[in-house]
Amino acid sequence: MIFIGIAFLTMIVLFSGWDDIREAIRDVSAAQLVTLLIMQVITLCLVAYQWFFLLSKKSPALLFWDVMVAYMSGSLVESITPSVRLGGEAAKLYLFRQITGLSHEDLTGILVVRKFVSIVPFFILCAAMLVISLHVFTLPIVVYAAFGAMSSVFLLAWLLWRHLGQAETTPPDQAEPSAKTAIYPVGWLQKLRQFFQRASASSQHLVTSREVGLLAGISFVIWVLYPAKVYYVARVLGLEMTPLLTTLGTYTAYILGLVPLLPGGLGTFEGSMALVLSSQGISLSQGLAIALLTRLATYWFPLLVSVGAAWVALRRGYIRMYGRDVKHHAIPQQQ
């Protein structure tokens, strides 16, 4: 699938004019590229630290290096499959289970907390950006569609989580069998609801309000770093862009890149960013040059690191070793 994405991206580049794009990026120095990569490394470390902080709540013997390797190894899946990150998250949870010995319910609860502290700051930034942009730009319809679709999906996911995760309030022996069976038939649906109930209970007391604020603050920094990298690339290429336009193009491209069409949003991310930027006076080739150079640091570099992390995990026997040793240090599950 990744080769299809590369082919699609190549078509976009050729259509936009490779000579113009090459002219735009040819004077980028090694020092500027290294600076961009350092910004991406900071982003990766911050995300890994959030996972480490949450996992350590249940498995205090865990090391940050272990989490970093598992996190980057799992990221390899979402980089090469059109899975809306679901495949990557599943791979990460699988590897986290190997290095901690935690139950699926505990890990799902940790995932929900991690998503909560990440999505809420993102929504706040997006809402502020859209309100301000309405008074500054004439936005393409794709921007409204992207943010509207994302909000709807996450709202439905939250409502489903709340519904499935609600604990029973009526004792089983007092409930009406017919009504209960009609809504939650015995079988996989009932088991699924019970699973989410346990996962929800596991997540409720995982972190304090102060810790939620800390993790949300880290997420805020992470989300700000996304357009900061794009803005830095634009400055390196000698292009004048406002922080607002940079943020608008970055977040729109990020959301559309999640659509499960091509691995890692290849082509979708670059094309949508170029489209948004070109709607505000920047040429299509310049917008694509910004997107390509940004993705060199935010997609291709992490992909290379993920391959290396997966090799380390296999070479050092992380899965087998931690399944035997670190699992012993996990906090016993409450009965």
C-alpha atoms as a PDB file:
ATOM      1  CA  MET A   1       0.000   0.000   0.000  1.00  0.00           C
ATOM      2  CA  ILE A   2       2.803   2.426   0.742  1.00  0.00           C
ATOM      3  CA  PHE A   3       3.967   2.148  -2.873  1.00  0.00           C
ATOM      4  CA  ILE A   4       0.510   3.261  -4.022  1.00  0.00           C
ATOM      5  CA  GLY A   5       0.829   6.278  -1.767  1.00  0.00           C
ATOM      6  CA  ILE A   6       4.272   7.081  -3.154  1.00  0.00           C
ATOM      7  CA  ALA A   7       2.936   6.769  -6.707  1.00  0.00           C
ATOM      8  CA  PHE A   8       0.029   9.093  -5.906  1.00  0.00           C
ATOM      9  CA  LEU A   9       2.355  11.616  -4.314  1.00  0.00           C
ATOM     10  CA  THR A  10       4.662  11.444  -7.340  1.00  0.00           C
ATOM     11  CA  MET A  11       1.713  12.236  -9.617  1.00  0.00           C
ATOM     12  CA  ILE A  12       0.865  15.322  -7.531  1.00  0.00           C
ATOM     13  CA  VAL A  13       4.476  16.504  -7.645  1.00  0.00           C
ATOM     14  CA  LEU A  14       4.721  16.069 -11.409  1.00  0.00           C
ATOM     15  CA  PHE A  15       1.375  17.796 -11.933  1.00  0.00           C
ATOM     16  CA  SER A  16       2.462  20.761  -9.798  1.00  0.00           C
ATOM     17  CA  GLY A  17       5.799  21.061 -11.543  1.00  0.00           C
ATOM     18  CA  TRP A  18       8.851  19.282 -10.185  1.00  0.00           C
ATOM     19  CA  ASP A  19      11.257  21.883 -11.523  1.00  0.00           C
ATOM     20  CA  ASP A  20       9.545  24.648  -9.527  1.00  0.00           C
ATOM     21  CA  ILE A  21       9.493  22.524  -6.383  1.00  0.00           C
ATOM     22  CA  ARG A  22      13.150  21.576  -6.767  1.00  0.00           C
ATOM     23  CA  GLU A  23      14.045  25.222  -7.266  1.00  0.00           C
ATOM     24  CA  ALA A  24      12.254  26.108  -4.031  1.00  0.00           C
ATOM     25  CA  ILE A  25      14.002  23.532  -1.844  1.00  0.00           C
ATOM     26  CA  ARG A  26      17.451  23.260  -3.398  1.00  0.00           C
ATOM     27  CA  ASP A  27      19.085  25.873  -1.137  1.00  0.00           C
ATOM     28  CA  VAL A  28      18.005  24.274   2.149  1.00  0.00           C
ATOM     29  CA  SER A  29      21.130  23.769   4.253  1.00  0.00           C
ATOM     30  CA  ALA A  30      22.040  20.747   6.332  1.00  0.00           C
ATOM     31  CA  ALA A  31      21.890  22.848   9.513  1.00  0.00           C
ATOM     32  CA  GLN A  32      18.326  23.936   8.732  1.00  0.00           C
ATOM     33  CA  LEU A  33      17.306  20.365   8.045  1.00  0.00           C
ATOM     34  CA  VAL A  34      18.878  19.189  11.309  1.00  0.00           C
ATOM     35  CA  THR A  35      16.982  21.909  13.189  1.00  0.00           C
ATOM     36  CA  LEU A  36      13.736  20.645  11.667  1.00  0.00           C
ATOM     37  CA  LEU A  37      14.561  17.067  12.644  1.00  0.00           C
ATOM     38  CA  ILE A  38      15.338  18.147  16.212  1.00  0.00           C
ATOM     39  CA  MET A  39      11.892  19.728  16.441  1.00  0.00           C
ATOM     40  CA  GLN A  40      10.390  16.419  15.332  1.00  0.00           C
ATOM     41  CA  VAL A  41      12.463  14.459  17.858  1.00  0.00           C
ATOM     42  CA  ILE A  42      11.135  16.728  20.612  1.00  0.00           C
ATOM     43  CA  THR A  43       7.587  16.003  19.434  1.00  0.00           C
ATOM     44  CA  LEU A  44       8.160  12.237  19.458  1.00  0.00           C
ATOM     45  CA  CYS A  45       9.736  12.329  22.916  1.00  0.00           C
ATOM     46  CA  LEU A  46       6.848  14.363  24.341  1.00  0.00           C
ATOM     47  CA  VAL A  47       4.268  11.897  23.018  1.00  0.00           C
ATOM     48  CA  ALA A  48       6.291   8.945  24.310  1.00  0.00           C
ATOM     49  CA  TYR A  49       6.569  10.639  27.713  1.00  0.00           C
ATOM     50  CA  GLN A  50       2.781  10.928  27.933  1.00  0.00           C
ATOM     51  CA  TRP A  51       2.502   7.188  27.336  1.00  0.00           C
ATOM     52  CA  PHE A  52       5.300   6.522  29.827  1.00  0.00           C
ATOM     53  CA  PHE A  53       3.629   8.699  32.481  1.00  0.00           C
ATOM     54  CA  LEU A  54       0.292   6.882  32.131  1.00  0.00           C
ATOM     55  CA  LEU A  55       1.729   3.374  31.860  1.00  0.00           C
ATOM     56  CA  SER A  56       3.930   3.981  34.900  1.00  0.00           C
ATOM     57  CA  LYS A  57       0.795   4.518  36.952  1.00  0.00           C
ATOM     58  CA  LYS A  58       0.043   0.825  36.558  1.00  0.00           C
ATOM     59  CA  SER A  59       3.563  -0.507  35.973  1.00  0.00           C
ATOM     60  CA  PRO A  60       6.071   1.557  38.011  1.00  0.00           C
ATOM     61  CA  ALA A  61       9.059  -0.639  37.034  1.00  0.00           C
ATOM     62  CA  LEU A  62       8.770   0.537  33.429  1.00  0.00           C
ATOM     63  CA  LEU A  63      11.621   2.424  31.736  1.00  0.00           C
ATOM     64  CA  PHE A  64      11.182   5.313  29.322  1.00  0.00           C
ATOM     65  CA  TRP A  65      13.427   3.610  26.752  1.00  0.00           C
ATOM     66  CA  ASP A  66      11.101   0.589  26.717  1.00  0.00           C
ATOM     67  CA  VAL A  67       8.077   2.789  26.068  1.00  0.00           C
ATOM     68  CA  MET A  68       9.901   4.757  23.362  1.00  0.00           C
ATOM     69  CA  VAL A  69      10.844   1.597  21.474  1.00  0.00           C
ATOM     70  CA  ALA A  70       7.319   0.170  21.763  1.00  0.00           C
ATOM     71  CA  TYR A  71       5.743   3.488  20.765  1.00  0.00           C
ATOM     72  CA  MET A  72       7.937   3.931  17.701  1.00  0.00           C
ATOM     73  CA  SER A  73       7.550   0.283  16.693  1.00  0.00           C
ATOM     74  CA  GLY A  74       3.770   0.645  16.829  1.00  0.00           C
ATOM     75  CA  SER A  75       3.980   3.864  14.824  1.00  0.00           C
ATOM     76  CA  LEU A  76       5.431   1.837  11.964  1.00  0.00           C
ATOM     77  CA  VAL A  77       2.017   0.211  11.442  1.00  0.00           C
ATOM     78  CA  GLU A  78       0.119   3.496  11.147  1.00  0.00           C
ATOM     79  CA  SER A  79       2.784   4.835   8.774  1.00  0.00           C
ATOM     80  CA  ILE A  80       2.404   2.024   6.246  1.00  0.00           C
ATOM     81  CA  THR A  81      -1.328   1.244   6.509  1.00  0.00           C
ATOM     82  CA  PRO A  82      -4.413   3.410   5.767  1.00  0.00           C
ATOM     83  CA  SER A  83      -5.898   2.707   9.207  1.00  0.00           C
ATOM     84  CA  VAL A  84      -6.910   6.131  10.633  1.00  0.00           C
ATOM     85  CA  ARG A  85      -4.253   5.320  13.274  1.00  0.00           C
ATOM     86  CA  LEU A  86      -6.377   2.439  14.578  1.00  0.00           C
ATOM     87  CA  GLY A  87      -3.869  -0.135  13.400  1.00  0.00           C
ATOM     88  CA  GLY A  88      -1.031   1.838  14.957  1.00  0.00           C
ATOM     89  CA  GLU A  89      -2.852   2.200  18.275  1.00  0.00           C
ATOM     90  CA  ALA A  90      -3.635  -1.518  18.344  1.00  0.00           C
ATOM     91  CA  ALA A  91       0.018  -2.335  17.667  1.00  0.00           C
ATOM     92  CA  LYS A  92       1.149   0.023  20.421  1.00  0.00           C
ATOM     93  CA  LEU A  93      -1.270  -1.499  22.923  1.00  0.00           C
ATOM     94  CA  TYR A  94      -0.052  -4.963  21.974  1.00  0.00           C
ATOM     95  CA  LEU A  95       3.582  -3.975  22.584  1.00  0.00           C
ATOM     96  CA  PHE A  96       2.712  -2.081  25.763  1.00  0.00           C
ATOM     97  CA  ARG A  97       1.004  -5.225  27.028  1.00  0.00           C
ATOM     98  CA  GLN A  98       4.185  -7.213  26.408  1.00  0.00           C
ATOM     99  CA  ILE A  99       6.386  -4.782  28.343  1.00  0.00           C
ATOM    100  CA  THR A 100       3.986  -4.204  31.240  1.00  0.00           C
ATOM    101  CA  GLY A 101       1.797  -7.287  31.571  1.00  0.00           C
ATOM    102  CA  LEU A 102      -1.261  -5.045  32.012  1.00  0.00           C
ATOM    103  CA  SER A 103      -4.709  -6.269  31.045  1.00  0.00           C
ATOM    104  CA  HIS A 104      -6.448  -5.215  27.855  1.00  0.00           C
ATOM    105  CA  GLU A 105      -8.955  -3.270  29.959  1.00  0.00           C
ATOM    106  CA  ASP A 106      -6.224  -1.297  31.749  1.00  0.00           C
ATOM    107  CA  LEU A 107      -4.463  -0.498  28.485  1.00  0.00           C
ATOM    108  CA  THR A 108      -7.715   0.581  26.832  1.00  0.00           C
ATOM    109  CA  GLY A 109      -8.412   2.854  29.786  1.00  0.00           C
ATOM    110  CA  ILE A 110      -4.925   4.358  29.464  1.00  0.00           C
ATOM    111  CA  LEU A 111      -5.504   4.854  25.728  1.00  0.00           C
ATOM    112  CA  VAL A 112      -8.763   6.711  26.425  1.00  0.00           C
ATOM    113  CA  VAL A 113      -7.055   9.034  28.926  1.00  0.00           C
ATOM    114  CA  ARG A 114      -4.208   9.646  26.466  1.00  0.00           C
ATOM    115  CA  LYS A 115      -6.678  10.500  23.708  1.00  0.00           C
ATOM    116  CA  PHE A 116      -8.674  12.771  26.005  1.00  0.00           C
ATOM    117  CA  VAL A 117      -5.685  14.867  27.081  1.00  0.00           C
ATOM    118  CA  SER A 118      -4.597  15.078  23.438  1.00  0.00           C
ATOM    119  CA  ILE A 119      -7.880  15.825  21.675  1.00  0.00           C
ATOM    120  CA  VAL A 120      -9.263  18.472  24.043  1.00  0.00           C
ATOM    121  CA  PRO A 121      -6.332  20.909  23.514  1.00  0.00           C
ATOM    122  CA  PHE A 122      -6.540  20.221  19.777  1.00  0.00           C
ATOM    123  CA  PHE A 123     -10.238  21.108  19.701  1.00  0.00           C
ATOM    124  CA  ILE A 124      -9.581  24.306  21.641  1.00  0.00           C
ATOM    125  CA  LEU A 125      -6.815  25.349  19.238  1.00  0.00           C
ATOM    126  CA  CYS A 126      -8.942  24.485  16.201  1.00  0.00           C
ATOM    127  CA  ALA A 127     -11.975  26.388  17.509  1.00  0.00           C
ATOM    128  CA  ALA A 128      -9.901  29.494  18.227  1.00  0.00           C
ATOM    129  CA  MET A 129      -8.195  29.241  14.841  1.00  0.00           C
ATOM    130  CA  LEU A 130     -11.473  28.909  12.920  1.00  0.00           C
ATOM    131  CA  VAL A 131     -13.150  31.800  14.729  1.00  0.00           C
ATOM    132  CA  ILE A 132     -10.226  34.110  13.962  1.00  0.00           C
ATOM    133  CA  SER A 133      -9.842  32.806  10.387  1.00  0.00           C
ATOM    134  CA  LEU A 134     -13.465  33.590   9.561  1.00  0.00           C
ATOM    135  CA  HIS A 135     -12.647  37.276   9.971  1.00  0.00           C
ATOM    136  CA  VAL A 136      -9.385  37.109   8.017  1.00  0.00           C
ATOM    137  CA  PHE A 137      -9.620  34.510   5.221  1.00  0.00           C
ATOM    138  CA  THR A 138     -12.142  33.198   2.739  1.00  0.00           C
ATOM    139  CA  LEU A 139     -11.738  29.550   3.624  1.00  0.00           C
ATOM    140  CA  PRO A 140     -12.096  26.664   1.130  1.00  0.00           C
ATOM    141  CA  ILE A 141     -15.050  24.380   1.788  1.00  0.00           C
ATOM    142  CA  VAL A 142     -12.630  21.519   2.442  1.00  0.00           C
ATOM    143  CA  VAL A 143     -11.561  23.228   5.674  1.00  0.00           C
ATOM    144  CA  TYR A 144     -15.086  23.293   7.079  1.00  0.00           C
ATOM    145  CA  ALA A 145     -15.704  19.732   5.911  1.00  0.00           C
ATOM    146  CA  ALA A 146     -12.521  18.462   7.558  1.00  0.00           C
ATOM    147  CA  PHE A 147     -13.130  20.048  10.952  1.00  0.00           C
ATOM    148  CA  GLY A 148     -16.850  19.246  10.898  1.00  0.00           C
ATOM    149  CA  ALA A 149     -16.223  15.578  10.086  1.00  0.00           C
ATOM    150  CA  MET A 150     -13.530  15.278  12.738  1.00  0.00           C
ATOM    151  CA  SER A 151     -15.756  16.828  15.406  1.00  0.00           C
ATOM    152  CA  SER A 152     -18.637  14.514  14.488  1.00  0.00           C
ATOM    153  CA  VAL A 153     -16.486  11.385  14.599  1.00  0.00           C
ATOM    154  CA  PHE A 154     -14.965  12.179  17.978  1.00  0.00           C
ATOM    155  CA  LEU A 155     -18.339  13.201  19.428  1.00  0.00           C
ATOM    156  CA  LEU A 156     -19.881   9.905  18.333  1.00  0.00           C
ATOM    157  CA  ALA A 157     -16.888   7.981  19.701  1.00  0.00           C
ATOM    158  CA  TRP A 158     -17.209   9.784  23.048  1.00  0.00           C
ATOM    159  CA  LEU A 159     -20.959   9.101  23.252  1.00  0.00           C
ATOM    160  CA  LEU A 160     -20.384   5.432  22.406  1.00  0.00           C
ATOM    161  CA  TRP A 161     -17.668   5.197  25.069  1.00  0.00           C
ATOM    162  CA  ARG A 162     -19.921   6.798  27.661  1.00  0.00           C
ATOM    163  CA  HIS A 163     -22.799   4.473  26.753  1.00  0.00           C
ATOM    164  CA  LEU A 164     -20.807   1.253  26.677  1.00  0.00           C
ATOM    165  CA  GLY A 165     -18.715   2.235  29.681  1.00  0.00           C
ATOM    166  CA  GLN A 166     -21.632   2.998  31.983  1.00  0.00           C
ATOM    167  CA  ALA A 167     -21.762   0.635  34.956  1.00  0.00           C
ATOM    168  CA  GLU A 168     -24.934  -1.237  35.711  1.00  0.00           C
ATOM    169  CA  THR A 169     -27.136   0.642  38.162  1.00  0.00           C
ATOM    170  CA  THR A 170     -29.746  -2.079  38.548  1.00  0.00           C
ATOM    171  CA  PRO A 171     -28.843  -5.387  40.223  1.00  0.00           C
ATOM    172  CA  PRO A 172     -28.952  -8.245  37.717  1.00  0.00           C
ATOM    173  CA  ASP A 173     -31.628 -10.131  39.653  1.00  0.00           C
ATOM    174  CA  GLN A 174     -33.959  -7.089  39.615  1.00  0.00           C
ATOM    175  CA  ALA A 175     -33.591  -6.226  35.931  1.00  0.00           C
ATOM    176  CA  GLU A 176     -36.201  -7.264  33.398  1.00  0.00           C
ATOM    177  CA  PRO A 177     -34.685 -10.143  31.397  1.00  0.00           C
ATOM    178  CA  SER A 178     -36.633  -9.373  28.235  1.00  0.00           C
ATOM    179  CA  ALA A 179     -35.632  -5.690  28.046  1.00  0.00           C
ATOM    180  CA  LYS A 180     -32.048  -6.396  29.002  1.00  0.00           C
ATOM    181  CA  THR A 181     -31.749  -9.133  26.415  1.00  0.00           C
ATOM    182  CA  ALA A 182     -33.296  -6.939  23.748  1.00  0.00           C
ATOM    183  CA  ILE A 183     -30.707  -4.195  24.251  1.00  0.00           C
ATOM    184  CA  TYR A 184     -27.655  -6.281  25.167  1.00  0.00           C
ATOM    185  CA  PRO A 185     -28.109  -9.830  23.874  1.00  0.00           C
ATOM    186  CA  VAL A 186     -26.031 -12.519  25.506  1.00  0.00           C
ATOM    187  CA  GLY A 187     -22.917 -12.982  23.394  1.00  0.00           C
ATOM    188  CA  TRP A 188     -20.288 -10.742  21.891  1.00  0.00           C
ATOM    189  CA  LEU A 189     -22.208  -7.487  22.402  1.00  0.00           C
ATOM    190  CA  GLN A 190     -22.665  -8.124  26.098  1.00  0.00           C
ATOM    191  CA  LYS A 191     -19.007  -9.083  26.436  1.00  0.00           C
ATOM    192  CA  LEU A 192     -18.028  -5.928  24.585  1.00  0.00           C
ATOM    193  CA  ARG A 193     -20.058  -3.790  26.968  1.00  0.00           C
ATOM    194  CA  GLN A 194     -18.545  -5.523  29.990  1.00  0.00           C
ATOM    195  CA  PHE A 195     -15.074  -4.952  28.555  1.00  0.00           C
ATOM    196  CA  PHE A 196     -15.708  -1.222  28.155  1.00  0.00           C
ATOM    197  CA  GLN A 197     -17.186  -1.042  31.636  1.00  0.00           C
ATOM    198  CA  ARG A 198     -13.979  -2.453  33.101  1.00  0.00           C
ATOM    199  CA  ALA A 199     -11.832  -0.210  30.874  1.00  0.00           C
ATOM    200  CA  SER A 200     -13.879   2.838  31.891  1.00  0.00           C
ATOM    201  CA  ALA A 201     -13.540   1.965  35.573  1.00  0.00           C
ATOM    202  CA  SER A 202      -9.782   1.552  35.107  1.00  0.00           C
ATOM    203  CA  SER A 203      -9.438   4.998  33.503  1.00  0.00           C
ATOM    204  CA  GLN A 204     -11.556   6.969  35.978  1.00  0.00           C
ATOM    205  CA  HIS A 205      -9.014   7.159  38.786  1.00  0.00           C
ATOM    206  CA  LEU A 206      -5.835   6.806  36.748  1.00  0.00           C
ATOM    207  CA  VAL A 207      -4.751  10.450  37.006  1.00  0.00           C
ATOM    208  CA  THR A 208      -5.554  13.414  39.220  1.00  0.00           C
ATOM    209  CA  SER A 209      -6.924  16.719  37.952  1.00  0.00           C
ATOM    210  CA  ARG A 210      -3.478  18.257  38.278  1.00  0.00           C
ATOM    211  CA  GLU A 211      -1.933  15.442  36.225  1.00  0.00           C
ATOM    212  CA  VAL A 212      -4.614  15.857  33.571  1.00  0.00           C
ATOM    213  CA  GLY A 213      -3.617  19.514  33.357  1.00  0.00           C
ATOM    214  CA  LEU A 214       0.050  18.556  33.036  1.00  0.00           C
ATOM    215  CA  LEU A 215      -0.612  16.047  30.249  1.00  0.00           C
ATOM    216  CA  ALA A 216      -2.970  18.449  28.472  1.00  0.00           C
ATOM    217  CA  GLY A 217      -0.279  21.132  28.672  1.00  0.00           C
ATOM    218  CA  ILE A 218       2.196  18.759  27.034  1.00  0.00           C
ATOM    219  CA  SER A 219      -0.376  18.041  24.318  1.00  0.00           C
ATOM    220  CA  PHE A 220      -0.789  21.772  23.770  1.00  0.00           C
ATOM    221  CA  VAL A 221       2.959  22.067  23.167  1.00  0.00           C
ATOM    222  CA  ILE A 222       2.846  19.083  20.808  1.00  0.00           C
ATOM    223  CA  TRP A 223       0.009  20.574  18.758  1.00  0.00           C
ATOM    224  CA  VAL A 224       1.731  23.972  18.600  1.00  0.00           C
ATOM    225  CA  LEU A 225       4.897  22.279  17.345  1.00  0.00           C
ATOM    226  CA  TYR A 226       2.996  20.908  14.327  1.00  0.00           C
ATOM    227  CA  PRO A 227       2.429  24.292  12.627  1.00  0.00           C
ATOM    228  CA  ALA A 228       5.679  25.637  14.118  1.00  0.00           C
ATOM    229  CA  LYS A 229       7.587  23.151  11.947  1.00  0.00           C
ATOM    230  CA  VAL A 230       5.617  24.192   8.873  1.00  0.00           C
ATOM    231  CA  TYR A 231       6.220  27.871   9.656  1.00  0.00           C
ATOM    232  CA  TYR A 232       9.941  27.202  10.060  1.00  0.00           C
ATOM    233  CA  VAL A 233      10.026  25.433   6.686  1.00  0.00           C
ATOM    234  CA  ALA A 234       8.257  28.363   5.033  1.00  0.00           C
ATOM    235  CA  ARG A 235      10.807  30.761   6.490  1.00  0.00           C
ATOM    236  CA  VAL A 236      13.657  28.522   5.343  1.00  0.00           C
ATOM    237  CA  LEU A 237      12.222  28.620   1.812  1.00  0.00           C
ATOM    238  CA  GLY A 238      11.979  32.412   1.988  1.00  0.00           C
ATOM    239  CA  LEU A 239       8.156  32.479   1.942  1.00  0.00           C
ATOM    240  CA  GLU A 240       6.106  34.918   4.007  1.00  0.00           C
ATOM    241  CA  MET A 241       3.240  33.209   5.835  1.00  0.00           C
ATOM    242  CA  THR A 242       1.306  34.289   8.896  1.00  0.00           C
ATOM    243  CA  PRO A 243       1.160  31.880  11.873  1.00  0.00           C
ATOM    244  CA  LEU A 244      -2.625  31.756  11.421  1.00  0.00           C
ATOM    245  CA  LEU A 245      -2.417  30.591   7.805  1.00  0.00           C
ATOM    246  CA  THR A 246       0.290  28.110   8.752  1.00  0.00           C
ATOM    247  CA  THR A 247      -1.846  26.639  11.522  1.00  0.00           C
ATOM    248  CA  LEU A 248      -4.905  26.503   9.293  1.00  0.00           C
ATOM    249  CA  GLY A 249      -3.095  24.629   6.533  1.00  0.00           C
ATOM    250  CA  THR A 250      -1.317  22.288   8.944  1.00  0.00           C
ATOM    251  CA  TYR A 251      -4.372  21.197  10.916  1.00  0.00           C
ATOM    252  CA  THR A 252      -6.524  20.808   7.806  1.00  0.00           C
ATOM    253  CA  ALA A 253      -3.859  18.632   6.182  1.00  0.00           C
ATOM    254  CA  TYR A 254      -3.457  16.622   9.395  1.00  0.00           C
ATOM    255  CA  ILE A 255      -7.182  15.874   9.628  1.00  0.00           C
ATOM    256  CA  LEU A 256      -7.551  14.967   5.949  1.00  0.00           C
ATOM    257  CA  GLY A 257      -4.426  12.821   6.236  1.00  0.00           C
ATOM    258  CA  LEU A 258      -6.335  10.623   8.691  1.00  0.00           C
ATOM    259  CA  VAL A 259      -8.842   9.609   6.017  1.00  0.00           C
ATOM    260  CA  PRO A 260      -8.150   5.887   5.381  1.00  0.00           C
ATOM    261  CA  LEU A 261      -7.261   6.158   1.715  1.00  0.00           C
ATOM    262  CA  LEU A 262      -3.480   5.858   1.580  1.00  0.00           C
ATOM    263  CA  PRO A 263      -0.772   4.900   4.114  1.00  0.00           C
ATOM    264  CA  GLY A 264       0.228   7.759   6.400  1.00  0.00           C
ATOM    265  CA  GLY A 265      -1.949  10.155   4.409  1.00  0.00           C
ATOM    266  CA  LEU A 266       0.586  10.126   1.569  1.00  0.00           C
ATOM    267  CA  GLY A 267      -0.569  12.538  -1.096  1.00  0.00           C
ATOM    268  CA  THR A 268      -3.658  13.504   0.897  1.00  0.00           C
ATOM    269  CA  PHE A 269      -1.653  15.460   3.452  1.00  0.00           C
ATOM    270  CA  GLU A 270       0.618  17.162   0.935  1.00  0.00           C
ATOM    271  CA  GLY A 271      -2.152  17.948  -1.531  1.00  0.00           C
ATOM    272  CA  SER A 272      -4.561  19.391   1.054  1.00  0.00           C
ATOM    273  CA  MET A 273      -1.857  21.563   2.620  1.00  0.00           C
ATOM    274  CA  ALA A 274      -0.840  22.922  -0.781  1.00  0.00           C
ATOM    275  CA  LEU A 275      -4.513  23.553  -1.603  1.00  0.00           C
ATOM    276  CA  VAL A 276      -5.174  25.556   1.566  1.00  0.00           C
ATOM    277  CA  LEU A 277      -1.957  27.572   1.274  1.00  0.00           C
ATOM    278  CA  SER A 278      -2.499  28.278  -2.429  1.00  0.00           C
ATOM    279  CA  SER A 279      -5.989  29.626  -1.673  1.00  0.00           C
ATOM    280  CA  GLN A 280      -4.308  32.494   0.181  1.00  0.00           C
ATOM    281  CA  GLY A 281      -1.885  33.611  -2.516  1.00  0.00           C
ATOM    282  CA  ILE A 282       0.968  31.094  -2.302  1.00  0.00           C
ATOM    283  CA  SER A 283       1.585  29.185  -5.529  1.00  0.00           C
ATOM    284  CA  LEU A 284       0.692  25.515  -5.675  1.00  0.00           C
ATOM    285  CA  SER A 285       4.313  24.499  -6.247  1.00  0.00           C
ATOM    286  CA  GLN A 286       5.466  26.584  -3.268  1.00  0.00           C
ATOM    287  CA  GLY A 287       2.761  25.087  -1.051  1.00  0.00           C
ATOM    288  CA  LEU A 288       3.748  21.607  -2.134  1.00  0.00           C
ATOM    289  CA  ALA A 289       7.425  22.389  -1.508  1.00  0.00           C
ATOM    290  CA  ILE A 290       6.526  23.372   2.061  1.00  0.00           C
ATOM    291  CA  ALA A 291       4.495  20.204   2.515  1.00  0.00           C
ATOM    292  CA  LEU A 292       7.211  17.924   1.080  1.00  0.00           C
ATOM    293  CA  LEU A 293       9.990  19.365   3.202  1.00  0.00           C
ATOM    294  CA  THR A 294       7.797  19.254   6.312  1.00  0.00           C
ATOM    295  CA  ARG A 295       6.872  15.637   5.648  1.00  0.00           C
ATOM    296  CA  LEU A 296      10.520  14.744   5.283  1.00  0.00           C
ATOM    297  CA  ALA A 297      10.804  15.469   9.006  1.00  0.00           C
ATOM    298  CA  THR A 298       7.329  14.484  10.205  1.00  0.00           C
ATOM    299  CA  TYR A 299       6.718  11.320   8.149  1.00  0.00           C
ATOM    300  CA  TRP A 300       9.795   9.905   6.450  1.00  0.00           C
ATOM    301  CA  PHE A 301      12.188  10.515   9.324  1.00  0.00           C
ATOM    302  CA  PRO A 302       9.845   8.925  11.947  1.00  0.00           C
ATOM    303  CA  LEU A 303       9.228   6.066   9.517  1.00  0.00           C
ATOM    304  CA  LEU A 304      12.963   5.389   9.381  1.00  0.00           C
ATOM    305  CA  VAL A 305      13.182   5.613  13.176  1.00  0.00           C
ATOM    306  CA  SER A 306      10.205   3.240  13.481  1.00  0.00           C
ATOM    307  CA  VAL A 307      11.925   0.673  11.298  1.00  0.00           C
ATOM    308  CA  GLY A 308      14.998   0.970  13.512  1.00  0.00           C
ATOM    309  CA  ALA A 309      12.869   0.643  16.672  1.00  0.00           C
ATOM    310  CA  ALA A 310      11.163  -2.462  15.317  1.00  0.00           C
ATOM    311  CA  TRP A 311      14.569  -3.940  14.509  1.00  0.00           C
ATOM    312  CA  VAL A 312      15.765  -3.191  18.055  1.00  0.00           C
ATOM    313  CA  ALA A 313      12.642  -4.811  19.503  1.00  0.00           C
ATOM    314  CA  LEU A 314      13.201  -7.958  17.469  1.00  0.00           C
ATOM    315  CA  ARG A 315      16.981  -8.025  17.829  1.00  0.00           C
ATOM    316  CA  ARG A 316      16.943  -7.620  21.595  1.00  0.00           C
ATOM    317  CA  GLY A 317      13.954  -9.886  22.060  1.00  0.00           C
ATOM    318  CA  TYR A 318      11.828  -7.234  23.773  1.00  0.00           C
ATOM    319  CA  ILE A 319       8.547  -9.054  23.297  1.00  0.00           C
ATOM    320  CA  ARG A 320       9.802 -12.409  24.533  1.00  0.00           C
ATOM    321  CA  MET A 321      11.987 -10.964  27.265  1.00  0.00           C
ATOM    322  CA  TYR A 322       9.379  -8.618  28.713  1.00  0.00           C
ATOM    323  CA  GLY A 323       6.668 -11.192  28.453  1.00  0.00           C
ATOM    324  CA  ARG A 324       8.758 -13.205  30.920  1.00  0.00           C
ATOM    325  CA  ASP A 325      10.516 -10.622  33.090  1.00  0.00           C
ATOM    326  CA  VAL A 326       8.922  -7.175  33.169  1.00  0.00           C
ATOM    327  CA  LYS A 327       5.494  -8.709  33.338  1.00  0.00           C
ATOM    328  CA  HIS A 328       6.470  -9.966  36.781  1.00  0.00           C
ATOM    329  CA  HIS A 329       6.816  -6.359  38.002  1.00  0.00           C
ATOM    330  CA  ALA A 330       3.379  -5.227  36.886  1.00  0.00           C
ATOM    331  CA  ILE A 331       1.004  -4.199  39.676  1.00  0.00           C
ATOM    332  CA  PRO A 332      -1.328  -7.101  40.502  1.00  0.00           C
ATOM    333  CA  GLN A 333      -4.812  -6.598  39.168  1.00  0.00           C
ATOM    334  CA  GLN A 334      -7.528  -5.918  41.726  1.00  0.00           C
ATOM    335  CA  GLN A 335     -10.043  -8.656  42.005  1.00  0.00           C
END
